[in-house]
Amino acid sequence: MDIHIWRDLLDPYDLAVRELTTKFEHLRYEYRSRGLYCPIEQVTGRVKTISSILDKMQKKQIDLSDLEERMEDIAGVRIICQFVEDIPKVVHMIRERGDMEILLEKDYVNHMKESGYRSYHVIIRYEVQMMSGPKKIQAEIQIRTLGMNFWCTIEHSLQYKYKHNIPEHIREKLLKSADAIVLLDNEMSAVREEIMDAQNSMQHQANLTAEILNTIQNLYSLANKREISKIQEEFYEVYQSNDLEKLERFHRQLDIIAEGYRAQGIDFTSGDVT
């Protein structure tokens, strides 16, 4: 197959990966902008390289005419979670979407492969809009924890080096490290609530700080400069105290000041007098 034909074949898959990663990233943004814990920690995507496609076609004895139907992972999206408990939540998110048709699910988290591989795979059919019109393609979404992903990355590199014939002594070490990842995930689950509380507090503080700075910026061109300077000094003092309750109290007080300007007929968000 000529290179330009490969390019035409893979273009829809490239578009699908771009769109899917953007959609899952936006989910993260929605959760965090609302101060909620998001089960999605990281999102990455890739289109299988031509050499990888050819290798898999040879290994699985796939004819070129059957390529798009039989090869499920030409387009791949990887969703990384912090905790094992987050994986079914992400799967539920995908099931609830109207723009992704689930074709197959493979649970290698509860049913680990003999090699030690653990991950949850969801095969979907997804429609992209090309110049030639709509096209439905298959894509694979892999969902795993940070620990699982670390193991899978190492194992994949070794598979590439040894052409899928990893020496037995290395296989044994991989199995032992896979067991260690299971223990690690279990240990992280045991302190999950404490970790989530800490991360939610950090995110809440970041959101409060952004809102406070935005309000101060909007007030700067409207309020008395001496008053704004005093507000800024107080903010830095509160921020450096690392006391979330004080920051929340300062945020409420600043809102009252801003409301006072609104009462005077000043739209402080736009700088226009109403």
C-alpha atoms as a PDB file:
ATOM      1  CA  MET A   1       0.000   0.000   0.000  1.00  0.00           C
ATOM      2  CA  ASP A   2       1.367   3.433  -0.963  1.00  0.00           C
ATOM      3  CA  ILE A   3       2.207   5.928   1.778  1.00  0.00           C
ATOM      4  CA  HIS A   4      -0.470   8.381   0.660  1.00  0.00           C
ATOM      5  CA  ILE A   5      -3.084   5.618   0.829  1.00  0.00           C
ATOM      6  CA  TRP A   6      -1.996   4.809   4.389  1.00  0.00           C
ATOM      7  CA  ARG A   7      -2.360   8.498   5.202  1.00  0.00           C
ATOM      8  CA  ASP A   8      -5.910   8.549   3.841  1.00  0.00           C
ATOM      9  CA  LEU A   9      -6.710   5.412   5.816  1.00  0.00           C
ATOM     10  CA  LEU A  10      -5.328   6.719   9.121  1.00  0.00           C
ATOM     11  CA  ASP A  11      -6.570  10.338   8.929  1.00  0.00           C
ATOM     12  CA  PRO A  12     -10.032   9.546  10.406  1.00  0.00           C
ATOM     13  CA  TYR A  13      -8.356   7.689  13.270  1.00  0.00           C
ATOM     14  CA  ASP A  14      -6.104  10.650  13.966  1.00  0.00           C
ATOM     15  CA  LEU A  15      -9.160  12.926  14.096  1.00  0.00           C
ATOM     16  CA  ALA A  16     -10.956  10.483  16.408  1.00  0.00           C
ATOM     17  CA  VAL A  17      -8.030  10.420  18.851  1.00  0.00           C
ATOM     18  CA  ARG A  18      -7.868  14.221  18.895  1.00  0.00           C
ATOM     19  CA  GLU A  19     -11.605  14.551  19.524  1.00  0.00           C
ATOM     20  CA  LEU A  20     -11.802  11.819  22.158  1.00  0.00           C
ATOM     21  CA  THR A  21      -8.834  13.079  24.179  1.00  0.00           C
ATOM     22  CA  THR A  22     -10.292  16.603  24.068  1.00  0.00           C
ATOM     23  CA  LYS A  23     -13.668  15.343  25.305  1.00  0.00           C
ATOM     24  CA  PHE A  24     -12.191  13.434  28.236  1.00  0.00           C
ATOM     25  CA  GLU A  25      -9.908  16.350  29.106  1.00  0.00           C
ATOM     26  CA  HIS A  26     -12.955  18.611  29.142  1.00  0.00           C
ATOM     27  CA  LEU A  27     -14.662  16.214  31.560  1.00  0.00           C
ATOM     28  CA  ARG A  28     -11.688  16.693  33.902  1.00  0.00           C
ATOM     29  CA  TYR A  29     -12.054  20.458  33.537  1.00  0.00           C
ATOM     30  CA  GLU A  30     -15.789  20.341  34.329  1.00  0.00           C
ATOM     31  CA  TYR A  31     -15.288  18.289  37.469  1.00  0.00           C
ATOM     32  CA  ARG A  32     -12.436  20.398  38.785  1.00  0.00           C
ATOM     33  CA  SER A  33     -14.018  23.747  37.944  1.00  0.00           C
ATOM     34  CA  ARG A  34     -16.932  22.674  40.134  1.00  0.00           C
ATOM     35  CA  GLY A  35     -14.628  21.630  42.956  1.00  0.00           C
ATOM     36  CA  LEU A  36     -15.406  17.931  42.449  1.00  0.00           C
ATOM     37  CA  TYR A  37     -13.059  14.963  42.492  1.00  0.00           C
ATOM     38  CA  CYS A  38     -12.535  13.601  38.982  1.00  0.00           C
ATOM     39  CA  PRO A  39     -11.787   9.888  38.501  1.00  0.00           C
ATOM     40  CA  ILE A  40      -9.806  10.806  35.373  1.00  0.00           C
ATOM     41  CA  GLU A  41      -6.247  11.798  36.263  1.00  0.00           C
ATOM     42  CA  GLN A  42      -4.575  11.830  32.821  1.00  0.00           C
ATOM     43  CA  VAL A  43      -5.628  11.334  29.200  1.00  0.00           C
ATOM     44  CA  THR A  44      -3.369  10.430  26.285  1.00  0.00           C
ATOM     45  CA  GLY A  45      -4.015   9.141  22.786  1.00  0.00           C
ATOM     46  CA  ARG A  46      -2.232   7.731  19.786  1.00  0.00           C
ATOM     47  CA  VAL A  47      -2.792   6.292  16.326  1.00  0.00           C
ATOM     48  CA  LYS A  48      -1.039   2.983  15.766  1.00  0.00           C
ATOM     49  CA  THR A  49       2.079   3.340  13.610  1.00  0.00           C
ATOM     50  CA  ILE A  50       2.115   1.704  10.194  1.00  0.00           C
ATOM     51  CA  SER A  51       4.876  -0.682  11.296  1.00  0.00           C
ATOM     52  CA  SER A  52       2.829  -1.720  14.356  1.00  0.00           C
ATOM     53  CA  ILE A  53      -0.221  -2.260  12.172  1.00  0.00           C
ATOM     54  CA  LEU A  54       1.775  -4.417   9.749  1.00  0.00           C
ATOM     55  CA  ASP A  55       3.253  -6.454  12.624  1.00  0.00           C
ATOM     56  CA  LYS A  56      -0.185  -7.084  14.112  1.00  0.00           C
ATOM     57  CA  MET A  57      -1.654  -7.935  10.704  1.00  0.00           C
ATOM     58  CA  GLN A  58       1.027 -10.572  10.283  1.00  0.00           C
ATOM     59  CA  LYS A  59       0.668 -11.923  13.830  1.00  0.00           C
ATOM     60  CA  LYS A  60      -3.152 -12.078  13.717  1.00  0.00           C
ATOM     61  CA  GLN A  61      -3.264 -13.032  10.001  1.00  0.00           C
ATOM     62  CA  ILE A  62      -5.454 -10.063   9.114  1.00  0.00           C
ATOM     63  CA  ASP A  63      -6.020  -9.279   5.427  1.00  0.00           C
ATOM     64  CA  LEU A  64      -5.850  -5.659   4.353  1.00  0.00           C
ATOM     65  CA  SER A  65      -9.493  -5.806   3.264  1.00  0.00           C
ATOM     66  CA  ASP A  66     -10.486  -6.758   6.834  1.00  0.00           C
ATOM     67  CA  LEU A  67      -8.120  -4.377   8.602  1.00  0.00           C
ATOM     68  CA  GLU A  68     -10.576  -1.739   9.823  1.00  0.00           C
ATOM     69  CA  GLU A  69     -13.107  -4.311  10.989  1.00  0.00           C
ATOM     70  CA  ARG A  70     -10.739  -6.723  12.734  1.00  0.00           C
ATOM     71  CA  MET A  71      -8.174  -4.355  14.235  1.00  0.00           C
ATOM     72  CA  GLU A  72      -9.851  -2.614  17.163  1.00  0.00           C
ATOM     73  CA  ASP A  73      -6.967  -0.456  18.387  1.00  0.00           C
ATOM     74  CA  ILE A  74      -5.781   1.558  15.385  1.00  0.00           C
ATOM     75  CA  ALA A  75      -7.060   4.528  17.380  1.00  0.00           C
ATOM     76  CA  GLY A  76      -6.217   4.304  21.056  1.00  0.00           C
ATOM     77  CA  VAL A  77      -7.048   6.491  24.046  1.00  0.00           C
ATOM     78  CA  ARG A  78      -5.559   5.847  27.483  1.00  0.00           C
ATOM     79  CA  ILE A  79      -7.253   7.112  30.635  1.00  0.00           C
ATOM     80  CA  ILE A  80      -5.174   6.998  33.813  1.00  0.00           C
ATOM     81  CA  CYS A  81      -6.844   6.905  37.237  1.00  0.00           C
ATOM     82  CA  GLN A  82      -5.391   7.314  40.707  1.00  0.00           C
ATOM     83  CA  PHE A  83      -7.332   4.468  42.304  1.00  0.00           C
ATOM     84  CA  VAL A  84      -8.711   1.084  41.214  1.00  0.00           C
ATOM     85  CA  GLU A  85     -12.127   2.259  42.443  1.00  0.00           C
ATOM     86  CA  ASP A  86     -12.060   5.025  39.821  1.00  0.00           C
ATOM     87  CA  ILE A  87     -11.926   2.598  36.887  1.00  0.00           C
ATOM     88  CA  PRO A  88     -15.611   1.470  37.004  1.00  0.00           C
ATOM     89  CA  LYS A  89     -16.621   5.124  37.396  1.00  0.00           C
ATOM     90  CA  VAL A  90     -14.857   6.004  34.148  1.00  0.00           C
ATOM     91  CA  VAL A  91     -16.421   2.984  32.438  1.00  0.00           C
ATOM     92  CA  HIS A  92     -19.834   4.227  33.615  1.00  0.00           C
ATOM     93  CA  MET A  93     -19.076   7.674  32.147  1.00  0.00           C
ATOM     94  CA  ILE A  94     -18.389   6.077  28.760  1.00  0.00           C
ATOM     95  CA  ARG A  95     -21.523   3.924  28.910  1.00  0.00           C
ATOM     96  CA  GLU A  96     -23.646   7.010  29.580  1.00  0.00           C
ATOM     97  CA  ARG A  97     -22.364   8.974  26.599  1.00  0.00           C
ATOM     98  CA  GLY A  98     -24.466   9.284  23.478  1.00  0.00           C
ATOM     99  CA  ASP A  99     -21.550   9.900  21.112  1.00  0.00           C
ATOM    100  CA  MET A 100     -19.752   6.578  21.743  1.00  0.00           C
ATOM    101  CA  GLU A 101     -21.244   3.179  20.947  1.00  0.00           C
ATOM    102  CA  ILE A 102     -19.724   0.425  23.084  1.00  0.00           C
ATOM    103  CA  LEU A 103     -18.971  -2.712  21.091  1.00  0.00           C
ATOM    104  CA  LEU A 104     -17.002  -4.730  23.626  1.00  0.00           C
ATOM    105  CA  GLU A 105     -15.535  -4.560  27.131  1.00  0.00           C
ATOM    106  CA  LYS A 106     -12.489  -6.513  28.348  1.00  0.00           C
ATOM    107  CA  ASP A 107     -11.821  -6.604  32.084  1.00  0.00           C
ATOM    108  CA  TYR A 108      -8.147  -7.365  32.636  1.00  0.00           C
ATOM    109  CA  VAL A 109      -8.256  -5.640  36.030  1.00  0.00           C
ATOM    110  CA  ASN A 110     -10.228  -8.363  37.802  1.00  0.00           C
ATOM    111  CA  HIS A 111      -9.050 -11.012  35.332  1.00  0.00           C
ATOM    112  CA  MET A 112      -5.326 -10.375  34.999  1.00  0.00           C
ATOM    113  CA  LYS A 113      -3.514 -11.853  32.003  1.00  0.00           C
ATOM    114  CA  GLU A 114      -0.927 -14.579  32.609  1.00  0.00           C
ATOM    115  CA  SER A 115       1.821 -12.051  31.874  1.00  0.00           C
ATOM    116  CA  GLY A 116       0.659  -9.831  34.756  1.00  0.00           C
ATOM    117  CA  TYR A 117      -1.049  -7.291  32.472  1.00  0.00           C
ATOM    118  CA  ARG A 118      -3.930  -5.399  34.084  1.00  0.00           C
ATOM    119  CA  SER A 119      -6.145  -2.810  32.399  1.00  0.00           C
ATOM    120  CA  TYR A 120      -9.783  -2.274  31.424  1.00  0.00           C
ATOM    121  CA  HIS A 121     -10.483  -2.024  27.701  1.00  0.00           C
ATOM    122  CA  VAL A 122     -13.580  -0.549  26.114  1.00  0.00           C
ATOM    123  CA  ILE A 123     -13.942  -0.920  22.351  1.00  0.00           C
ATOM    124  CA  ILE A 124     -16.203   1.759  20.894  1.00  0.00           C
ATOM    125  CA  ARG A 125     -17.544   2.827  17.546  1.00  0.00           C
ATOM    126  CA  TYR A 126     -17.130   6.554  17.040  1.00  0.00           C
ATOM    127  CA  GLU A 127     -18.199   8.819  14.190  1.00  0.00           C
ATOM    128  CA  VAL A 128     -15.937  11.507  12.750  1.00  0.00           C
ATOM    129  CA  GLN A 129     -16.799  14.106  10.134  1.00  0.00           C
ATOM    130  CA  MET A 130     -14.337  14.111   7.215  1.00  0.00           C
ATOM    131  CA  MET A 131     -14.332  16.161   4.025  1.00  0.00           C
ATOM    132  CA  SER A 132     -15.806  13.134   2.273  1.00  0.00           C
ATOM    133  CA  GLY A 133     -18.560  12.859   4.873  1.00  0.00           C
ATOM    134  CA  PRO A 134     -19.173  10.975   8.140  1.00  0.00           C
ATOM    135  CA  LYS A 135     -17.143   7.871   8.895  1.00  0.00           C
ATOM    136  CA  LYS A 136     -17.603   5.436  11.769  1.00  0.00           C
ATOM    137  CA  ILE A 137     -14.458   3.820  13.107  1.00  0.00           C
ATOM    138  CA  GLN A 138     -13.449   1.597  15.991  1.00  0.00           C
ATOM    139  CA  ALA A 139     -11.318   2.908  18.843  1.00  0.00           C
ATOM    140  CA  GLU A 140      -9.940   1.304  21.984  1.00  0.00           C
ATOM    141  CA  ILE A 141     -10.093   3.083  25.336  1.00  0.00           C
ATOM    142  CA  GLN A 142      -7.725   1.678  27.961  1.00  0.00           C
ATOM    143  CA  ILE A 143      -8.445   2.549  31.591  1.00  0.00           C
ATOM    144  CA  ARG A 144      -5.850   1.804  34.252  1.00  0.00           C
ATOM    145  CA  THR A 145      -4.227   3.141  37.419  1.00  0.00           C
ATOM    146  CA  LEU A 146      -0.912   4.966  37.537  1.00  0.00           C
ATOM    147  CA  GLY A 147       0.720   1.806  38.868  1.00  0.00           C
ATOM    148  CA  MET A 148      -0.767  -0.403  36.152  1.00  0.00           C
ATOM    149  CA  ASN A 149       0.349   2.064  33.502  1.00  0.00           C
ATOM    150  CA  PHE A 150       3.923   2.064  34.813  1.00  0.00           C
ATOM    151  CA  TRP A 151       4.028  -1.738  34.598  1.00  0.00           C
ATOM    152  CA  CYS A 152       2.436  -1.818  31.125  1.00  0.00           C
ATOM    153  CA  THR A 153       4.897   0.753  29.778  1.00  0.00           C
ATOM    154  CA  ILE A 154       7.887  -1.305  30.953  1.00  0.00           C
ATOM    155  CA  GLU A 155       6.394  -4.565  29.692  1.00  0.00           C
ATOM    156  CA  HIS A 156       5.631  -3.029  26.281  1.00  0.00           C
ATOM    157  CA  SER A 157       9.233  -1.822  25.922  1.00  0.00           C
ATOM    158  CA  LEU A 158      10.542  -5.309  26.748  1.00  0.00           C
ATOM    159  CA  GLN A 159       8.125  -6.926  24.301  1.00  0.00           C
ATOM    160  CA  TYR A 160       9.469  -4.606  21.598  1.00  0.00           C
ATOM    161  CA  LYS A 161      13.112  -5.346  22.489  1.00  0.00           C
ATOM    162  CA  TYR A 162      12.694  -9.131  22.564  1.00  0.00           C
ATOM    163  CA  LYS A 163      10.189  -9.330  19.683  1.00  0.00           C
ATOM    164  CA  HIS A 164       7.542 -10.828  21.987  1.00  0.00           C
ATOM    165  CA  ASN A 165       9.971 -13.507  23.200  1.00  0.00           C
ATOM    166  CA  ILE A 166      10.891 -12.181  26.630  1.00  0.00           C
ATOM    167  CA  PRO A 167      13.393 -14.427  28.438  1.00  0.00           C
ATOM    168  CA  GLU A 168      11.929 -16.530  31.248  1.00  0.00           C
ATOM    169  CA  HIS A 169      13.918 -14.861  34.050  1.00  0.00           C
ATOM    170  CA  ILE A 170      12.606 -11.450  32.967  1.00  0.00           C
ATOM    171  CA  ARG A 171       9.055 -12.813  32.756  1.00  0.00           C
ATOM    172  CA  GLU A 172       9.352 -13.942  36.365  1.00  0.00           C
ATOM    173  CA  LYS A 173      10.496 -10.501  37.470  1.00  0.00           C
ATOM    174  CA  LEU A 174       7.599  -8.917  35.558  1.00  0.00           C
ATOM    175  CA  LEU A 175       5.128 -11.208  37.329  1.00  0.00           C
ATOM    176  CA  LYS A 176       6.597 -10.304  40.714  1.00  0.00           C
ATOM    177  CA  SER A 177       6.417  -6.595  39.893  1.00  0.00           C
ATOM    178  CA  ALA A 178       2.807  -7.038  38.711  1.00  0.00           C
ATOM    179  CA  ASP A 179       1.960  -8.522  42.110  1.00  0.00           C
ATOM    180  CA  ALA A 180       3.709  -5.546  43.732  1.00  0.00           C
ATOM    181  CA  ILE A 181       1.535  -3.166  41.682  1.00  0.00           C
ATOM    182  CA  VAL A 182      -1.576  -4.967  42.956  1.00  0.00           C
ATOM    183  CA  LEU A 183      -0.375  -4.446  46.528  1.00  0.00           C
ATOM    184  CA  LEU A 184       0.426  -0.798  45.798  1.00  0.00           C
ATOM    185  CA  ASP A 185      -3.057  -0.167  44.368  1.00  0.00           C
ATOM    186  CA  ASN A 186      -4.592  -1.839  47.426  1.00  0.00           C
ATOM    187  CA  GLU A 187      -2.503   0.280  49.805  1.00  0.00           C
ATOM    188  CA  MET A 188      -3.527   3.467  47.963  1.00  0.00           C
ATOM    189  CA  SER A 189      -7.185   2.389  48.173  1.00  0.00           C
ATOM    190  CA  ALA A 190      -6.818   2.036  51.951  1.00  0.00           C
ATOM    191  CA  VAL A 191      -5.958   5.755  52.269  1.00  0.00           C
ATOM    192  CA  ARG A 192      -8.121   6.883  49.351  1.00  0.00           C
ATOM    193  CA  GLU A 193     -10.442   9.110  51.396  1.00  0.00           C
ATOM    194  CA  GLU A 194      -7.545  10.960  53.029  1.00  0.00           C
ATOM    195  CA  ILE A 195      -5.833  11.488  49.667  1.00  0.00           C
ATOM    196  CA  MET A 196      -9.056  12.725  48.058  1.00  0.00           C
ATOM    197  CA  ASP A 197      -9.729  15.127  50.945  1.00  0.00           C
ATOM    198  CA  ALA A 198      -6.230  16.581  50.612  1.00  0.00           C
ATOM    199  CA  GLN A 199      -6.524  16.960  46.839  1.00  0.00           C
ATOM    200  CA  ASN A 200     -10.006  18.479  47.055  1.00  0.00           C
ATOM    201  CA  SER A 201      -8.725  21.023  49.592  1.00  0.00           C
ATOM    202  CA  MET A 202      -5.852  21.926  47.282  1.00  0.00           C
ATOM    203  CA  GLN A 203      -8.202  22.331  44.328  1.00  0.00           C
ATOM    204  CA  HIS A 204     -10.666  24.373  46.406  1.00  0.00           C
ATOM    205  CA  GLN A 205      -7.848  26.672  47.506  1.00  0.00           C
ATOM    206  CA  ALA A 206      -6.680  27.087  43.915  1.00  0.00           C
ATOM    207  CA  ASN A 207     -10.216  27.950  42.746  1.00  0.00           C
ATOM    208  CA  LEU A 208     -10.712  30.448  45.592  1.00  0.00           C
ATOM    209  CA  THR A 209      -7.380  32.109  44.869  1.00  0.00           C
ATOM    210  CA  ALA A 210      -8.203  32.464  41.170  1.00  0.00           C
ATOM    211  CA  GLU A 211     -11.615  34.000  41.963  1.00  0.00           C
ATOM    212  CA  ILE A 212     -10.127  36.424  44.512  1.00  0.00           C
ATOM    213  CA  LEU A 213      -7.399  37.604  42.146  1.00  0.00           C
ATOM    214  CA  ASN A 214      -9.922  38.033  39.346  1.00  0.00           C
ATOM    215  CA  THR A 215     -12.169  40.160  41.594  1.00  0.00           C
ATOM    216  CA  ILE A 216      -9.226  42.302  42.750  1.00  0.00           C
ATOM    217  CA  GLN A 217      -8.182  42.800  39.134  1.00  0.00           C
ATOM    218  CA  ASN A 218     -11.704  43.919  38.185  1.00  0.00           C
ATOM    219  CA  LEU A 219     -11.894  46.298  41.156  1.00  0.00           C
ATOM    220  CA  TYR A 220      -8.505  47.823  40.437  1.00  0.00           C
ATOM    221  CA  SER A 221      -9.717  50.236  37.742  1.00  0.00           C
ATOM    222  CA  LEU A 222     -12.831  51.227  39.703  1.00  0.00           C
ATOM    223  CA  ALA A 223     -12.008  51.369  43.399  1.00  0.00           C
ATOM    224  CA  ASN A 224      -9.821  53.676  45.411  1.00  0.00           C
ATOM    225  CA  LYS A 225      -6.189  52.726  44.766  1.00  0.00           C
ATOM    226  CA  ARG A 226      -5.350  52.879  48.469  1.00  0.00           C
ATOM    227  CA  GLU A 227      -8.238  50.557  49.258  1.00  0.00           C
ATOM    228  CA  ILE A 228      -7.152  48.095  46.553  1.00  0.00           C
ATOM    229  CA  SER A 229      -3.580  48.162  47.847  1.00  0.00           C
ATOM    230  CA  LYS A 230      -4.858  47.358  51.337  1.00  0.00           C
ATOM    231  CA  ILE A 231      -6.991  44.497  49.968  1.00  0.00           C
ATOM    232  CA  GLN A 232      -3.999  43.055  48.124  1.00  0.00           C
ATOM    233  CA  GLU A 233      -1.795  43.199  51.216  1.00  0.00           C
ATOM    234  CA  GLU A 234      -4.475  41.475  53.277  1.00  0.00           C
ATOM    235  CA  PHE A 235      -4.883  38.805  50.608  1.00  0.00           C
ATOM    236  CA  TYR A 236      -1.161  37.975  50.555  1.00  0.00           C
ATOM    237  CA  GLU A 237      -1.143  37.786  54.344  1.00  0.00           C
ATOM    238  CA  VAL A 238      -4.123  35.408  54.361  1.00  0.00           C
ATOM    239  CA  TYR A 239      -2.687  33.326  51.511  1.00  0.00           C
ATOM    240  CA  GLN A 240       0.670  32.910  53.237  1.00  0.00           C
ATOM    241  CA  SER A 241      -1.058  31.711  56.408  1.00  0.00           C
ATOM    242  CA  ASN A 242      -2.124  28.595  54.452  1.00  0.00           C
ATOM    243  CA  ASP A 243      -5.426  28.657  56.360  1.00  0.00           C
ATOM    244  CA  LEU A 244      -8.313  27.622  54.111  1.00  0.00           C
ATOM    245  CA  GLU A 245     -10.980  28.958  56.488  1.00  0.00           C
ATOM    246  CA  LYS A 246      -9.338  32.401  56.508  1.00  0.00           C
ATOM    247  CA  LEU A 247      -9.158  32.326  52.703  1.00  0.00           C
ATOM    248  CA  GLU A 248     -12.865  31.457  52.476  1.00  0.00           C
ATOM    249  CA  ARG A 249     -13.716  34.262  54.906  1.00  0.00           C
ATOM    250  CA  PHE A 250     -11.624  36.741  52.909  1.00  0.00           C
ATOM    251  CA  HIS A 251     -13.364  35.596  49.718  1.00  0.00           C
ATOM    252  CA  ARG A 252     -16.798  36.264  51.262  1.00  0.00           C
ATOM    253  CA  GLN A 253     -15.710  39.699  52.510  1.00  0.00           C
ATOM    254  CA  LEU A 254     -14.349  40.611  49.094  1.00  0.00           C
ATOM    255  CA  ASP A 255     -17.655  39.580  47.514  1.00  0.00           C
ATOM    256  CA  ILE A 256     -19.443  41.966  49.888  1.00  0.00           C
ATOM    257  CA  ILE A 257     -17.129  44.802  48.765  1.00  0.00           C
ATOM    258  CA  ALA A 258     -17.780  43.972  45.122  1.00  0.00           C
ATOM    259  CA  GLU A 259     -21.513  43.843  45.806  1.00  0.00           C
ATOM    260  CA  GLY A 260     -21.225  47.335  47.244  1.00  0.00           C
ATOM    261  CA  TYR A 261     -19.942  48.616  43.923  1.00  0.00           C
ATOM    262  CA  ARG A 262     -22.808  46.860  42.170  1.00  0.00           C
ATOM    263  CA  ALA A 263     -25.246  48.639  44.499  1.00  0.00           C
ATOM    264  CA  GLN A 264     -23.712  51.937  43.420  1.00  0.00           C
ATOM    265  CA  GLY A 265     -24.591  51.114  39.826  1.00  0.00           C
ATOM    266  CA  ILE A 266     -21.131  49.967  38.744  1.00  0.00           C
ATOM    267  CA  ASP A 267     -20.746  46.782  36.766  1.00  0.00           C
ATOM    268  CA  PHE A 268     -17.308  45.970  38.076  1.00  0.00           C
ATOM    269  CA  THR A 269     -16.964  42.873  35.877  1.00  0.00           C
ATOM    270  CA  SER A 270     -16.947  44.915  32.697  1.00  0.00           C
ATOM    271  CA  GLY A 271     -15.869  48.301  33.973  1.00  0.00           C
ATOM    272  CA  ASP A 272     -19.042  49.962  32.611  1.00  0.00           C
ATOM    273  CA  VAL A 273     -21.241  52.322  34.565  1.00  0.00           C
ATOM    274  CA  THR A 274     -24.868  51.143  34.383  1.00  0.00           C
END
